[in-house]
Amino acid sequence: MNIMKPKIPIVDEQDNIIDYKDREAILPGDIYRVSSLWIINSHGEVLLARRAYNKSHDPGKWGPAVAGTIEKDETYESNIKKEAEEELGLIGVNFEKVQKHFTKGQKWSHFTQLFQLVIDKPVEEFKIQEQEVAEVRWFSKQALAKELEEHPDEFLASTKSKCDEFVALK
């Protein structure tokens, strides 16, 4: 049985859709869309997710609690709701839309719409999707700063800058 794979919108430098491609057909010059969710709790900790070890991009690295590539007929908002439900079992929560930024990499370039959520929930209560997420963990600012300093290669490059912002917050 041949399962239809969703197409990925390819956008221009103003984030306007110009084409659709299969995920495997995306070239280094193409720009696509990503949504990511940063979760914090009332204790000032940030929830990070370790990417599954079978992922094609950055397996086993720590990143935002939830992230996903936008597919055809999705918005940033509909994608993050879908991904949060699939990856962490989060249903019926309201995310705050924060900033959108552009990342131009040597291999991959994308717009990322950031969302955030404040929630107090033990890690055991998140229902992780093992094909996407190896584990989730709450990090205090101090523990995160230490991990970033001692093991920078364990974090996505984009996560390092966002985590540095988080650690710098008073």
C-alpha atoms as a PDB file:
ATOM      1  CA  MET A   1       0.000   0.000   0.000  1.00  0.00           C
ATOM      2  CA  ASN A   2       1.382   3.402  -0.993  1.00  0.00           C
ATOM      3  CA  ILE A   3       0.777   5.991   1.718  1.00  0.00           C
ATOM      4  CA  MET A   4       0.602   9.587   0.519  1.00  0.00           C
ATOM      5  CA  LYS A   5       3.242  11.666   2.226  1.00  0.00           C
ATOM      6  CA  PRO A   6       2.248  15.243   2.992  1.00  0.00           C
ATOM      7  CA  LYS A   7       3.837  17.996   0.946  1.00  0.00           C
ATOM      8  CA  ILE A   8       5.954  20.650   2.643  1.00  0.00           C
ATOM      9  CA  PRO A   9       5.373  24.316   1.721  1.00  0.00           C
ATOM     10  CA  ILE A  10       8.477  26.004   0.338  1.00  0.00           C
ATOM     11  CA  VAL A  11       8.499  29.747   1.024  1.00  0.00           C
ATOM     12  CA  ASP A  12      10.376  32.829  -0.116  1.00  0.00           C
ATOM     13  CA  GLU A  13      12.371  35.144   2.157  1.00  0.00           C
ATOM     14  CA  GLN A  14       9.140  36.945   3.154  1.00  0.00           C
ATOM     15  CA  ASP A  15       7.533  33.619   4.219  1.00  0.00           C
ATOM     16  CA  ASN A  16       5.160  33.474   1.212  1.00  0.00           C
ATOM     17  CA  ILE A  17       4.442  29.989  -0.164  1.00  0.00           C
ATOM     18  CA  ILE A  18       6.019  29.530  -3.596  1.00  0.00           C
ATOM     19  CA  ASP A  19       5.983  25.721  -4.002  1.00  0.00           C
ATOM     20  CA  TYR A  20       5.280  22.368  -2.330  1.00  0.00           C
ATOM     21  CA  LYS A  21       7.750  19.502  -2.147  1.00  0.00           C
ATOM     22  CA  ASP A  22       8.097  16.060  -0.670  1.00  0.00           C
ATOM     23  CA  ARG A  23      10.194  16.230   2.491  1.00  0.00           C
ATOM     24  CA  GLU A  24      12.942  14.142   0.861  1.00  0.00           C
ATOM     25  CA  ALA A  25      13.087  16.546  -2.117  1.00  0.00           C
ATOM     26  CA  ILE A  26      13.890  19.668  -0.070  1.00  0.00           C
ATOM     27  CA  LEU A  27      17.186  21.157  -1.253  1.00  0.00           C
ATOM     28  CA  PRO A  28      19.714  23.231   0.730  1.00  0.00           C
ATOM     29  CA  GLY A  29      18.501  26.465  -0.917  1.00  0.00           C
ATOM     30  CA  ASP A  30      14.845  25.828  -0.074  1.00  0.00           C
ATOM     31  CA  ILE A  31      13.168  27.604   2.842  1.00  0.00           C
ATOM     32  CA  TYR A  32      10.439  25.820   4.774  1.00  0.00           C
ATOM     33  CA  ARG A  33       8.362  26.483   7.913  1.00  0.00           C
ATOM     34  CA  VAL A  34       8.713  25.113  11.442  1.00  0.00           C
ATOM     35  CA  SER A  35       6.763  25.658  14.645  1.00  0.00           C
ATOM     36  CA  SER A  36       8.251  25.163  18.109  1.00  0.00           C
ATOM     37  CA  LEU A  37       6.805  25.196  21.598  1.00  0.00           C
ATOM     38  CA  TRP A  38       8.769  26.274  24.656  1.00  0.00           C
ATOM     39  CA  ILE A  39       7.237  25.119  27.919  1.00  0.00           C
ATOM     40  CA  ILE A  40       8.087  26.612  31.295  1.00  0.00           C
ATOM     41  CA  ASN A  41       6.641  25.990  34.732  1.00  0.00           C
ATOM     42  CA  SER A  42       5.882  28.211  37.714  1.00  0.00           C
ATOM     43  CA  HIS A  43       9.232  27.208  39.278  1.00  0.00           C
ATOM     44  CA  GLY A  44      11.110  28.885  36.422  1.00  0.00           C
ATOM     45  CA  GLU A  45      12.189  25.636  34.786  1.00  0.00           C
ATOM     46  CA  VAL A  46      12.124  24.888  31.048  1.00  0.00           C
ATOM     47  CA  LEU A  47      10.965  21.571  29.584  1.00  0.00           C
ATOM     48  CA  LEU A  48      13.262  20.248  26.883  1.00  0.00           C
ATOM     49  CA  ALA A  49      12.794  17.186  24.698  1.00  0.00           C
ATOM     50  CA  ARG A  50      15.559  14.903  23.516  1.00  0.00           C
ATOM     51  CA  ARG A  51      14.942  14.055  19.859  1.00  0.00           C
ATOM     52  CA  ALA A  52      14.470  10.357  19.133  1.00  0.00           C
ATOM     53  CA  TYR A  53      17.705   8.607  18.206  1.00  0.00           C
ATOM     54  CA  ASN A  54      16.267   7.456  14.860  1.00  0.00           C
ATOM     55  CA  LYS A  55      15.575  11.017  13.579  1.00  0.00           C
ATOM     56  CA  SER A  56      17.309  11.971  10.329  1.00  0.00           C
ATOM     57  CA  HIS A  57      18.121  15.498  11.593  1.00  0.00           C
ATOM     58  CA  ASP A  58      20.071  15.851  14.840  1.00  0.00           C
ATOM     59  CA  PRO A  59      19.142  12.540  16.512  1.00  0.00           C
ATOM     60  CA  GLY A  60      19.420  12.472  20.306  1.00  0.00           C
ATOM     61  CA  LYS A  61      19.872  16.225  20.709  1.00  0.00           C
ATOM     62  CA  TRP A  62      17.956  18.341  23.206  1.00  0.00           C
ATOM     63  CA  GLY A  63      15.561  20.879  21.739  1.00  0.00           C
ATOM     64  CA  PRO A  64      12.295  22.651  22.422  1.00  0.00           C
ATOM     65  CA  ALA A  65       9.557  20.618  24.111  1.00  0.00           C
ATOM     66  CA  VAL A  66       7.702  20.324  20.802  1.00  0.00           C
ATOM     67  CA  ALA A  67       8.645  21.139  17.219  1.00  0.00           C
ATOM     68  CA  GLY A  68       7.300  20.283  13.806  1.00  0.00           C
ATOM     69  CA  THR A  69       7.638  21.025  10.122  1.00  0.00           C
ATOM     70  CA  ILE A  70       4.570  22.701   8.646  1.00  0.00           C
ATOM     71  CA  GLU A  71       2.756  20.598   6.066  1.00  0.00           C
ATOM     72  CA  LYS A  72       0.439  21.591   3.220  1.00  0.00           C
ATOM     73  CA  ASP A  73      -2.863  23.085   4.457  1.00  0.00           C
ATOM     74  CA  GLU A  74      -1.443  23.736   7.950  1.00  0.00           C
ATOM     75  CA  THR A  75      -0.762  27.030   9.681  1.00  0.00           C
ATOM     76  CA  TYR A  76       1.899  27.541  12.307  1.00  0.00           C
ATOM     77  CA  GLU A  77      -0.917  27.421  14.906  1.00  0.00           C
ATOM     78  CA  SER A  78      -2.611  24.262  13.646  1.00  0.00           C
ATOM     79  CA  ASN A  79       0.761  22.530  13.350  1.00  0.00           C
ATOM     80  CA  ILE A  80       1.890  23.295  16.906  1.00  0.00           C
ATOM     81  CA  LYS A  81      -1.449  22.096  18.323  1.00  0.00           C
ATOM     82  CA  LYS A  82      -1.169  18.838  16.339  1.00  0.00           C
ATOM     83  CA  GLU A  83       2.480  18.302  17.279  1.00  0.00           C
ATOM     84  CA  ALA A  84       1.894  19.078  20.984  1.00  0.00           C
ATOM     85  CA  GLU A  85      -0.889  16.499  21.072  1.00  0.00           C
ATOM     86  CA  GLU A  86       1.115  13.865  19.167  1.00  0.00           C
ATOM     87  CA  GLU A  87       4.497  14.348  20.853  1.00  0.00           C
ATOM     88  CA  LEU A  88       3.484  15.144  24.459  1.00  0.00           C
ATOM     89  CA  GLY A  89      -0.212  14.341  24.762  1.00  0.00           C
ATOM     90  CA  LEU A  90      -1.124  18.008  25.341  1.00  0.00           C
ATOM     91  CA  ILE A  91      -4.782  18.593  24.509  1.00  0.00           C
ATOM     92  CA  GLY A  92      -6.901  21.693  25.016  1.00  0.00           C
ATOM     93  CA  VAL A  93      -4.142  24.041  26.134  1.00  0.00           C
ATOM     94  CA  ASN A  94      -3.666  27.565  24.825  1.00  0.00           C
ATOM     95  CA  PHE A  95      -0.265  28.510  23.525  1.00  0.00           C
ATOM     96  CA  GLU A  96       1.033  32.053  23.454  1.00  0.00           C
ATOM     97  CA  LYS A  97       2.440  33.058  20.070  1.00  0.00           C
ATOM     98  CA  VAL A  98       5.761  34.810  20.561  1.00  0.00           C
ATOM     99  CA  GLN A  99       8.388  35.623  17.961  1.00  0.00           C
ATOM    100  CA  LYS A 100       9.103  34.279  14.502  1.00  0.00           C
ATOM    101  CA  HIS A 101      12.656  34.093  13.251  1.00  0.00           C
ATOM    102  CA  PHE A 102      14.529  33.007  10.150  1.00  0.00           C
ATOM    103  CA  THR A 103      17.411  30.544  10.277  1.00  0.00           C
ATOM    104  CA  LYS A 104      19.649  30.288   7.235  1.00  0.00           C
ATOM    105  CA  GLY A 105      21.843  27.253   7.533  1.00  0.00           C
ATOM    106  CA  GLN A 106      24.363  25.655   5.237  1.00  0.00           C
ATOM    107  CA  LYS A 107      22.029  22.717   4.724  1.00  0.00           C
ATOM    108  CA  TRP A 108      18.556  23.759   5.985  1.00  0.00           C
ATOM    109  CA  SER A 109      16.846  27.157   6.052  1.00  0.00           C
ATOM    110  CA  HIS A 110      13.507  27.791   7.730  1.00  0.00           C
ATOM    111  CA  PHE A 111      11.173  30.236   9.399  1.00  0.00           C
ATOM    112  CA  THR A 112      10.363  29.168  12.951  1.00  0.00           C
ATOM    113  CA  GLN A 113       7.292  30.459  14.759  1.00  0.00           C
ATOM    114  CA  LEU A 114       7.852  30.207  18.500  1.00  0.00           C
ATOM    115  CA  PHE A 115       5.034  29.516  20.937  1.00  0.00           C
ATOM    116  CA  GLN A 116       5.202  29.247  24.696  1.00  0.00           C
ATOM    117  CA  LEU A 117       3.164  27.607  27.405  1.00  0.00           C
ATOM    118  CA  VAL A 118       3.311  27.826  31.178  1.00  0.00           C
ATOM    119  CA  ILE A 119       2.208  24.555  32.764  1.00  0.00           C
ATOM    120  CA  ASP A 120       2.970  22.695  35.970  1.00  0.00           C
ATOM    121  CA  LYS A 121       3.107  19.015  35.122  1.00  0.00           C
ATOM    122  CA  PRO A 122       5.511  16.268  36.190  1.00  0.00           C
ATOM    123  CA  VAL A 123       7.459  14.717  33.307  1.00  0.00           C
ATOM    124  CA  GLU A 124       5.815  11.345  33.996  1.00  0.00           C
ATOM    125  CA  GLU A 125       2.442  12.818  32.994  1.00  0.00           C
ATOM    126  CA  PHE A 126       3.541  13.763  29.484  1.00  0.00           C
ATOM    127  CA  LYS A 127       2.604  11.053  26.976  1.00  0.00           C
ATOM    128  CA  ILE A 128       5.650  11.093  24.720  1.00  0.00           C
ATOM    129  CA  GLN A 129       5.613   9.751  21.179  1.00  0.00           C
ATOM    130  CA  GLU A 130       8.694   7.557  21.121  1.00  0.00           C
ATOM    131  CA  GLN A 131       9.197   7.833  17.334  1.00  0.00           C
ATOM    132  CA  GLU A 132       9.750  11.582  17.839  1.00  0.00           C
ATOM    133  CA  VAL A 133      10.903  12.040  21.444  1.00  0.00           C
ATOM    134  CA  ALA A 134      13.391   9.946  23.449  1.00  0.00           C
ATOM    135  CA  GLU A 135      12.697  11.762  26.742  1.00  0.00           C
ATOM    136  CA  VAL A 136      11.618  15.062  28.270  1.00  0.00           C
ATOM    137  CA  ARG A 137      13.169  16.768  31.278  1.00  0.00           C
ATOM    138  CA  TRP A 138      12.632  19.917  33.320  1.00  0.00           C
ATOM    139  CA  PHE A 139      15.819  22.005  33.564  1.00  0.00           C
ATOM    140  CA  SER A 140      16.439  24.753  36.095  1.00  0.00           C
ATOM    141  CA  LYS A 141      18.331  27.795  34.790  1.00  0.00           C
ATOM    142  CA  GLN A 142      21.431  26.725  36.720  1.00  0.00           C
ATOM    143  CA  ALA A 143      21.341  23.110  35.526  1.00  0.00           C
ATOM    144  CA  LEU A 144      20.713  24.200  31.947  1.00  0.00           C
ATOM    145  CA  ALA A 145      23.577  26.707  32.009  1.00  0.00           C
ATOM    146  CA  LYS A 146      25.902  23.967  33.289  1.00  0.00           C
ATOM    147  CA  GLU A 147      24.731  21.453  30.643  1.00  0.00           C
ATOM    148  CA  LEU A 148      25.123  24.022  27.856  1.00  0.00           C
ATOM    149  CA  GLU A 149      28.665  24.772  29.011  1.00  0.00           C
ATOM    150  CA  GLU A 150      29.784  21.188  29.613  1.00  0.00           C
ATOM    151  CA  HIS A 151      27.909  19.414  26.773  1.00  0.00           C
ATOM    152  CA  PRO A 152      27.071  21.973  24.051  1.00  0.00           C
ATOM    153  CA  ASP A 153      27.029  19.273  21.348  1.00  0.00           C
ATOM    154  CA  GLU A 154      24.025  17.630  23.074  1.00  0.00           C
ATOM    155  CA  PHE A 155      21.785  20.581  22.093  1.00  0.00           C
ATOM    156  CA  LEU A 156      20.393  21.752  18.779  1.00  0.00           C
ATOM    157  CA  ALA A 157      22.200  24.883  17.607  1.00  0.00           C
ATOM    158  CA  SER A 158      18.942  26.866  17.632  1.00  0.00           C
ATOM    159  CA  THR A 159      18.164  25.547  21.102  1.00  0.00           C
ATOM    160  CA  LYS A 160      21.471  26.833  22.453  1.00  0.00           C
ATOM    161  CA  SER A 161      20.601  30.444  21.612  1.00  0.00           C
ATOM    162  CA  LYS A 162      17.049  30.160  22.953  1.00  0.00           C
ATOM    163  CA  CYS A 163      18.287  28.442  26.123  1.00  0.00           C
ATOM    164  CA  ASP A 164      20.946  31.124  26.576  1.00  0.00           C
ATOM    165  CA  GLU A 165      18.099  33.702  26.523  1.00  0.00           C
ATOM    166  CA  PHE A 166      16.185  31.657  29.106  1.00  0.00           C
ATOM    167  CA  VAL A 167      19.237  31.310  31.372  1.00  0.00           C
ATOM    168  CA  ALA A 168      19.914  35.066  31.108  1.00  0.00           C
ATOM    169  CA  LEU A 169      16.420  35.915  32.409  1.00  0.00           C
ATOM    170  CA  LYS A 170      16.429  37.123  35.987  1.00  0.00           C
END
